[in-house]
Amino acid sequence: MSGDVVTKVDGRTARVLINRPQAKNALSPAVLAGLDAAVDAALAAGCSVFVLRGAGGTLSAGADLPHLRTLLADEDAVARYIASIGAVLDRIEAASFVSVAVVAEYALAGGCEILLACDLAVVADDARIGDRHLEYGLLPGAGGSVRLPLALPPMRARRLLYTGEMIDGTTAAEWGLASHVAPAAELDATVDALVARLSRHGRDALAGMKRMYRAAAPTAQHAALVAERTALVRHLMTSPDAAAGLAAFGAGRAPHFPDPLETR
């Protein structure tokens, strides 16, 4: 398994760490392969709980933009990469185990999309959470525009999608984006208590409860997720905003988005 993802199976719990803190745990192909293997390992071991967190406090920065920039001359390669991110999150969402996202500091853009794909989320009260795609002229591609409106009332979902602002962990819990919130010093203890409570249930019964919930509750539809990914690929290949945002990211500066009147 890739060193960029570390998986430890302890009884009925899989503890998974995205281990690229120098890149804010961005989803490189190696990380995606590691997460896919982590899901395989958890299912093979019959785990009922899957705890996912990122080294250094950031759950994930989402798409690996330096890698993405190397693909932009090949639309099919871009589409495959974006689809590979969504496919891993779809697997985590649909798996029989209960997935728990842990956010110590940040879950932004793709990191927020990972949180949305998990069943439960434990966040520090001062963590920062939000959909930040517009900050670099980008769009969601791993379910953000589909799952966020399912998780929040319309005005709150639109607020996060349209403004790109961050909310703290306490607010995220009040809004319903997190199931548990704790002071940073108590985060690990809160995660351990949740894992212990989940693990005391029968594995088959817990999996059955998840199946019943998914059958009854509105869930992300495959067609909507595919449409989102297709829209992102087209945006990446054609939008001057995406080009400006990616260039700014590569240069380590804030982006300047062109005014349409400037290009006429």
Foldseek 3Di string as FASTA:
>chain_A
DDPQKDWDDDQQEIEIEREDVVQLSECDVSNLVNLVVSLVVNVVNLHQEYEQAYPPQRSYPYHRLVVLVVCLVPLVVNLVSLVSLQVSLQCQLPDLHQYEYEGLAEQEARNLLSLLSGNAYEYEQFHKYAYQQVQLPAAHQNQLVQRLVQQAPPVVSCCRRVVSGIDGPVVCVVRRSHVHYHHSVCRVVVVVVVSVVSVVDDSVVSSVVSVVCPVPGDDGDPVVSSVSNVVRSVCCNDPQSNVQSSVCVVVVHGGDGDDPVVVD
